[in-house]
Amino acid sequence: MEVDKKILTKLLKVLEELKDSLKESNSLELNSNDETTDDIDEGFAIKSPLVGTAYLAPEPGGKKFVEVGKKIKKGDTLMIVEAMKTMNHVPSSKNGTVKKICVGDGEPVEFGQNLVILE
């Protein structure tokens, strides 16, 4: 079997680039001091602590936990993320005013996805 050196050289170059990009993304993640929150230009983001389905109210047709413009305190429930038939309350990690709700009721969410932006 004959090996083409040009293909191997190109493959090694691509692997090195991938390795460098992974190092950069890992260093960005390590610099974050809290996995579920993030300071962003628009305000302070509360992120999803797990993969699941977001619910903005405790029951269908019920009053929403938060709305844009509402003042909340640290520990207040912002929404529920359901995973494997378990309802997980997502609390606020700081005081603030809800600037934006980034997900809709019943939408799937990923780990680390922005859920709510606080001012």
N, C-alpha and C. Protein backbone atom coordinates (compact mmCIF):
# COMPACT_ATOMS: atom_id res chain seq x y z
N MET A 1 0.84 -1.18 0.00
CA MET A 1 0.00 0.00 0.00
C MET A 1 0.89 1.24 0.00
N GLU A 2 0.59 2.14 -0.90
CA GLU A 2 1.39 3.35 -1.04
C GLU A 2 0.67 4.50 -0.34
N VAL A 3 1.42 5.28 0.42
CA VAL A 3 0.86 6.40 1.17
C VAL A 3 1.24 7.71 0.47
N ASP A 4 0.24 8.56 0.26
CA ASP A 4 0.49 9.85 -0.37
C ASP A 4 0.89 10.85 0.71
N LYS A 5 2.13 11.34 0.63
CA LYS A 5 2.65 12.25 1.65
C LYS A 5 1.92 13.58 1.67
N LYS A 6 1.43 14.04 0.53
CA LYS A 6 0.70 15.31 0.47
C LYS A 6 -0.58 15.22 1.28
N ILE A 7 -1.28 14.12 1.15
CA ILE A 7 -2.53 13.93 1.90
C ILE A 7 -2.25 13.85 3.40
N LEU A 8 -1.21 13.11 3.78
CA LEU A 8 -0.86 13.01 5.20
C LEU A 8 -0.45 14.37 5.77
N THR A 9 0.30 15.15 5.01
CA THR A 9 0.73 16.47 5.46
C THR A 9 -0.48 17.38 5.66
N LYS A 10 -1.40 17.35 4.70
CA LYS A 10 -2.61 18.15 4.81
C LYS A 10 -3.46 17.71 6.00
N LEU A 11 -3.59 16.43 6.22
CA LEU A 11 -4.34 15.90 7.35
C LEU A 11 -3.73 16.33 8.68
N LEU A 12 -2.42 16.27 8.78
CA LEU A 12 -1.74 16.70 10.01
C LEU A 12 -1.96 18.19 10.27
N LYS A 13 -1.94 18.99 9.21
CA LYS A 13 -2.18 20.42 9.35
C LYS A 13 -3.59 20.68 9.87
N VAL A 14 -4.57 20.00 9.30
CA VAL A 14 -5.96 20.17 9.73
C VAL A 14 -6.13 19.74 11.19
N LEU A 15 -5.49 18.65 11.58
CA LEU A 15 -5.57 18.18 12.97
C LEU A 15 -4.94 19.19 13.93
N GLU A 16 -3.84 19.80 13.55
CA GLU A 16 -3.20 20.83 14.40
C GLU A 16 -4.11 22.04 14.56
N GLU A 17 -4.76 22.46 13.45
CA GLU A 17 -5.69 23.58 13.53
C GLU A 17 -6.86 23.26 14.45
N LEU A 18 -7.36 22.04 14.35
CA LEU A 18 -8.45 21.61 15.22
C LEU A 18 -8.01 21.61 16.68
N LYS A 19 -6.83 21.11 16.93
CA LYS A 19 -6.28 21.06 18.28
C LYS A 19 -6.16 22.48 18.85
N ASP A 20 -5.66 23.42 18.05
CA ASP A 20 -5.52 24.81 18.50
C ASP A 20 -6.88 25.44 18.78
N SER A 21 -7.87 25.17 17.94
CA SER A 21 -9.20 25.76 18.15
C SER A 21 -9.85 25.19 19.41
N LEU A 22 -9.61 23.91 19.68
CA LEU A 22 -10.15 23.32 20.91
C LEU A 22 -9.49 23.90 22.14
N LYS A 23 -8.20 24.17 22.08
CA LYS A 23 -7.51 24.80 23.21
C LYS A 23 -8.10 26.17 23.49
N GLU A 24 -8.37 26.95 22.42
CA GLU A 24 -8.94 28.28 22.59
C GLU A 24 -10.32 28.21 23.22
N SER A 25 -11.18 27.29 22.77
CA SER A 25 -12.53 27.20 23.32
C SER A 25 -12.50 26.72 24.76
N ASN A 26 -11.58 25.82 25.10
CA ASN A 26 -11.47 25.35 26.49
C ASN A 26 -10.99 26.46 27.40
N SER A 27 -10.07 27.30 26.93
CA SER A 27 -9.59 28.38 27.78
C SER A 27 -10.70 29.40 28.01
N LEU A 28 -11.57 29.62 27.02
CA LEU A 28 -12.70 30.52 27.21
C LEU A 28 -13.65 29.97 28.26
N GLU A 29 -13.91 28.66 28.22
CA GLU A 29 -14.81 28.05 29.20
C GLU A 29 -14.21 28.09 30.60
N LEU A 30 -12.91 27.88 30.72
CA LEU A 30 -12.28 27.88 32.03
C LEU A 30 -12.26 29.27 32.65
N ASN A 31 -12.28 30.32 31.84
CA ASN A 31 -12.26 31.67 32.36
C ASN A 31 -13.61 32.09 32.91
N SER A 32 -14.65 31.37 32.60
CA SER A 32 -15.97 31.67 33.12
C SER A 32 -16.04 31.23 34.58
N ASN A 33 -16.47 32.16 35.47
CA ASN A 33 -16.48 31.84 36.89
C ASN A 33 -17.78 31.19 37.35
N ASP A 34 -18.80 31.15 36.51
CA ASP A 34 -20.06 30.52 36.88
C ASP A 34 -20.66 29.92 35.62
N GLU A 35 -20.99 28.65 35.65
CA GLU A 35 -21.46 27.97 34.45
C GLU A 35 -22.87 28.40 34.05
N THR A 36 -23.67 28.88 34.98
CA THR A 36 -25.07 29.16 34.65
C THR A 36 -25.36 30.64 34.47
N THR A 37 -24.35 31.51 34.58
CA THR A 37 -24.56 32.93 34.37
C THR A 37 -23.42 33.48 33.54
N ASP A 38 -23.64 34.66 32.96
CA ASP A 38 -22.62 35.25 32.13
C ASP A 38 -22.88 36.74 31.99
N ASP A 39 -21.84 37.56 32.14
CA ASP A 39 -21.96 38.99 31.88
C ASP A 39 -21.85 39.19 30.38
N ILE A 40 -22.82 39.84 29.80
CA ILE A 40 -22.79 40.12 28.38
C ILE A 40 -23.04 41.59 28.16
N ASP A 41 -22.85 42.07 26.95
CA ASP A 41 -23.01 43.49 26.65
C ASP A 41 -24.41 43.99 27.00
N GLU A 42 -25.41 43.18 26.78
CA GLU A 42 -26.79 43.59 26.99
C GLU A 42 -27.19 43.58 28.46
N GLY A 43 -26.48 42.87 29.30
CA GLY A 43 -26.85 42.73 30.70
C GLY A 43 -26.21 41.49 31.28
N PHE A 44 -26.95 40.81 32.11
CA PHE A 44 -26.46 39.61 32.81
C PHE A 44 -27.33 38.44 32.38
N ALA A 45 -26.72 37.40 31.82
CA ALA A 45 -27.49 36.27 31.28
C ALA A 45 -27.57 35.14 32.29
N ILE A 46 -28.78 34.63 32.49
CA ILE A 46 -28.99 33.41 33.26
C ILE A 46 -29.05 32.29 32.23
N LYS A 47 -28.21 31.28 32.40
CA LYS A 47 -28.10 30.21 31.42
C LYS A 47 -28.76 28.93 31.93
N SER A 48 -29.10 28.07 31.00
CA SER A 48 -29.74 26.80 31.34
C SER A 48 -28.74 25.87 32.01
N PRO A 49 -29.11 25.32 33.17
CA PRO A 49 -28.20 24.40 33.86
C PRO A 49 -28.23 22.98 33.30
N LEU A 50 -29.18 22.71 32.38
CA LEU A 50 -29.29 21.36 31.82
C LEU A 50 -30.05 21.38 30.51
N VAL A 51 -30.02 20.27 29.81
CA VAL A 51 -30.76 20.10 28.57
C VAL A 51 -32.18 19.67 28.92
N GLY A 52 -33.16 20.26 28.26
CA GLY A 52 -34.54 19.88 28.54
C GLY A 52 -35.53 20.77 27.81
N THR A 53 -36.72 20.89 28.37
CA THR A 53 -37.78 21.72 27.80
C THR A 53 -38.10 22.83 28.79
N ALA A 54 -38.09 24.07 28.30
CA ALA A 54 -38.35 25.23 29.17
C ALA A 54 -39.84 25.49 29.28
N TYR A 55 -40.29 25.76 30.50
CA TYR A 55 -41.67 26.16 30.74
C TYR A 55 -41.66 27.47 31.52
N LEU A 56 -42.40 28.45 31.04
CA LEU A 56 -42.41 29.77 31.65
C LEU A 56 -43.42 29.91 32.77
N ALA A 57 -44.30 28.91 32.92
CA ALA A 57 -45.33 28.94 33.96
C ALA A 57 -45.37 27.58 34.66
N PRO A 58 -45.87 27.54 35.89
CA PRO A 58 -45.90 26.28 36.63
C PRO A 58 -46.87 25.24 36.06
N GLU A 59 -47.85 25.71 35.27
CA GLU A 59 -48.83 24.80 34.65
C GLU A 59 -49.33 25.44 33.36
N PRO A 60 -49.85 24.64 32.45
CA PRO A 60 -50.36 25.22 31.20
C PRO A 60 -51.46 26.25 31.47
N GLY A 61 -51.31 27.42 30.88
CA GLY A 61 -52.30 28.48 31.07
C GLY A 61 -52.12 29.26 32.36
N GLY A 62 -51.15 28.87 33.19
CA GLY A 62 -50.91 29.54 34.47
C GLY A 62 -50.15 30.85 34.30
N LYS A 63 -50.05 31.59 35.40
CA LYS A 63 -49.33 32.86 35.39
C LYS A 63 -47.83 32.58 35.22
N LYS A 64 -47.18 33.34 34.34
CA LYS A 64 -45.75 33.15 34.09
C LYS A 64 -44.94 33.54 35.32
N PHE A 65 -43.79 32.86 35.49
CA PHE A 65 -42.90 33.17 36.61
C PHE A 65 -42.36 34.59 36.48
N VAL A 66 -41.91 34.97 35.27
CA VAL A 66 -41.35 36.30 35.05
C VAL A 66 -41.86 36.86 33.72
N GLU A 67 -41.84 38.19 33.63
CA GLU A 67 -42.18 38.89 32.41
C GLU A 67 -41.17 40.01 32.24
N VAL A 68 -41.01 40.49 31.03
CA VAL A 68 -40.07 41.58 30.76
C VAL A 68 -40.47 42.79 31.59
N GLY A 69 -39.49 43.38 32.26
CA GLY A 69 -39.72 44.55 33.11
C GLY A 69 -39.94 44.22 34.57
N LYS A 70 -40.14 42.95 34.90
CA LYS A 70 -40.39 42.56 36.29
C LYS A 70 -39.09 42.55 37.08
N LYS A 71 -39.14 43.09 38.29
CA LYS A 71 -37.99 43.06 39.18
C LYS A 71 -37.99 41.73 39.92
N ILE A 72 -36.83 41.11 39.97
CA ILE A 72 -36.71 39.82 40.66
C ILE A 72 -35.57 39.88 41.66
N LYS A 73 -35.64 38.97 42.62
CA LYS A 73 -34.61 38.86 43.65
C LYS A 73 -33.83 37.58 43.44
N LYS A 74 -32.64 37.54 43.99
CA LYS A 74 -31.82 36.34 43.94
C LYS A 74 -32.60 35.18 44.55
N GLY A 75 -32.66 34.06 43.83
CA GLY A 75 -33.37 32.89 44.32
C GLY A 75 -34.77 32.73 43.76
N ASP A 76 -35.34 33.80 43.17
CA ASP A 76 -36.68 33.70 42.57
C ASP A 76 -36.62 32.73 41.38
N THR A 77 -37.67 31.95 41.21
CA THR A 77 -37.75 31.02 40.08
C THR A 77 -38.03 31.81 38.81
N LEU A 78 -37.19 31.59 37.79
CA LEU A 78 -37.36 32.26 36.51
C LEU A 78 -38.20 31.43 35.55
N MET A 79 -37.99 30.12 35.60
CA MET A 79 -38.73 29.19 34.75
C MET A 79 -38.42 27.78 35.22
N ILE A 80 -39.05 26.81 34.58
CA ILE A 80 -38.80 25.40 34.87
C ILE A 80 -38.18 24.77 33.63
N VAL A 81 -37.16 23.95 33.82
CA VAL A 81 -36.62 23.15 32.72
C VAL A 81 -36.90 21.69 33.06
N GLU A 82 -37.72 21.06 32.22
CA GLU A 82 -38.06 19.65 32.44
C GLU A 82 -37.05 18.76 31.72
N ALA A 83 -36.53 17.80 32.47
CA ALA A 83 -35.60 16.82 31.90
C ALA A 83 -35.95 15.46 32.49
N MET A 84 -36.20 14.50 31.63
CA MET A 84 -36.53 13.13 32.05
C MET A 84 -37.68 13.11 33.05
N LYS A 85 -38.74 13.83 32.74
CA LYS A 85 -39.97 13.90 33.54
C LYS A 85 -39.76 14.53 34.92
N THR A 86 -38.63 15.22 35.10
CA THR A 86 -38.37 15.92 36.36
C THR A 86 -38.42 17.42 36.10
N MET A 87 -39.20 18.15 36.91
CA MET A 87 -39.32 19.59 36.76
C MET A 87 -38.26 20.27 37.62
N ASN A 88 -37.31 20.94 36.97
CA ASN A 88 -36.19 21.60 37.65
C ASN A 88 -36.40 23.11 37.61
N HIS A 89 -36.56 23.72 38.79
CA HIS A 89 -36.73 25.17 38.87
C HIS A 89 -35.38 25.82 38.60
N VAL A 90 -35.39 26.88 37.78
CA VAL A 90 -34.18 27.65 37.49
C VAL A 90 -34.26 28.95 38.27
N PRO A 91 -33.44 29.09 39.33
CA PRO A 91 -33.49 30.31 40.15
C PRO A 91 -32.60 31.41 39.58
N SER A 92 -32.91 32.63 39.94
CA SER A 92 -32.05 33.76 39.58
C SER A 92 -30.84 33.75 40.49
N SER A 93 -29.68 34.02 39.92
CA SER A 93 -28.46 34.03 40.73
C SER A 93 -28.12 35.44 41.21
N LYS A 94 -28.96 36.43 40.86
CA LYS A 94 -28.74 37.78 41.37
C LYS A 94 -30.01 38.59 41.24
N ASN A 95 -30.05 39.73 41.92
CA ASN A 95 -31.17 40.65 41.82
C ASN A 95 -31.11 41.38 40.49
N GLY A 96 -32.26 41.80 39.98
CA GLY A 96 -32.26 42.56 38.74
C GLY A 96 -33.65 42.72 38.17
N THR A 97 -33.68 43.31 36.98
CA THR A 97 -34.92 43.49 36.24
C THR A 97 -34.82 42.68 34.96
N VAL A 98 -35.88 41.96 34.63
CA VAL A 98 -35.87 41.13 33.44
C VAL A 98 -35.88 42.03 32.21
N LYS A 99 -34.82 41.92 31.42
CA LYS A 99 -34.70 42.71 30.19
C LYS A 99 -35.21 41.93 28.99
N LYS A 100 -34.94 40.62 28.97
CA LYS A 100 -35.33 39.80 27.83
C LYS A 100 -35.50 38.36 28.27
N ILE A 101 -36.52 37.70 27.75
CA ILE A 101 -36.70 36.26 27.93
C ILE A 101 -36.31 35.63 26.60
N CYS A 102 -35.28 34.80 26.61
CA CYS A 102 -34.66 34.30 25.38
C CYS A 102 -35.28 33.02 24.83
N VAL A 103 -36.19 32.40 25.56
CA VAL A 103 -36.82 31.16 25.10
C VAL A 103 -38.33 31.27 25.23
N GLY A 104 -39.00 30.50 24.42
CA GLY A 104 -40.46 30.46 24.48
C GLY A 104 -40.94 29.30 25.33
N ASP A 105 -42.19 29.36 25.71
CA ASP A 105 -42.79 28.30 26.51
C ASP A 105 -42.83 26.99 25.71
N GLY A 106 -42.32 25.92 26.30
CA GLY A 106 -42.33 24.62 25.66
C GLY A 106 -41.19 24.38 24.68
N GLU A 107 -40.27 25.33 24.58
CA GLU A 107 -39.14 25.19 23.67
C GLU A 107 -38.05 24.31 24.28
N PRO A 108 -37.38 23.52 23.44
CA PRO A 108 -36.22 22.76 23.94
C PRO A 108 -35.05 23.72 24.18
N VAL A 109 -34.28 23.45 25.24
CA VAL A 109 -33.10 24.26 25.55
C VAL A 109 -31.89 23.35 25.72
N GLU A 110 -30.73 23.92 25.43
CA GLU A 110 -29.46 23.22 25.57
C GLU A 110 -28.76 23.68 26.83
N PHE A 111 -27.82 22.88 27.31
CA PHE A 111 -26.99 23.27 28.45
C PHE A 111 -26.22 24.55 28.08
N GLY A 112 -26.26 25.55 28.95
CA GLY A 112 -25.52 26.78 28.73
C GLY A 112 -26.21 27.79 27.84
N GLN A 113 -27.39 27.48 27.35
CA GLN A 113 -28.13 28.41 26.50
C GLN A 113 -28.69 29.55 27.35
N ASN A 114 -28.66 30.79 26.84
CA ASN A 114 -29.23 31.92 27.56
C ASN A 114 -30.73 31.73 27.70
N LEU A 115 -31.22 31.88 28.93
CA LEU A 115 -32.66 31.78 29.19
C LEU A 115 -33.27 33.15 29.41
N VAL A 116 -32.62 33.96 30.28
CA VAL A 116 -33.13 35.27 30.65
C VAL A 116 -31.97 36.24 30.72
N ILE A 117 -32.19 37.48 30.27
CA ILE A 117 -31.21 38.55 30.40
C ILE A 117 -31.72 39.53 31.45
N LEU A 118 -30.88 39.83 32.44
CA LEU A 118 -31.22 40.77 33.52
C LEU A 118 -30.44 42.06 33.34
N GLU A 119 -31.05 43.15 33.79
CA GLU A 119 -30.34 44.44 33.83
C GLU A 119 -29.80 44.65 35.22
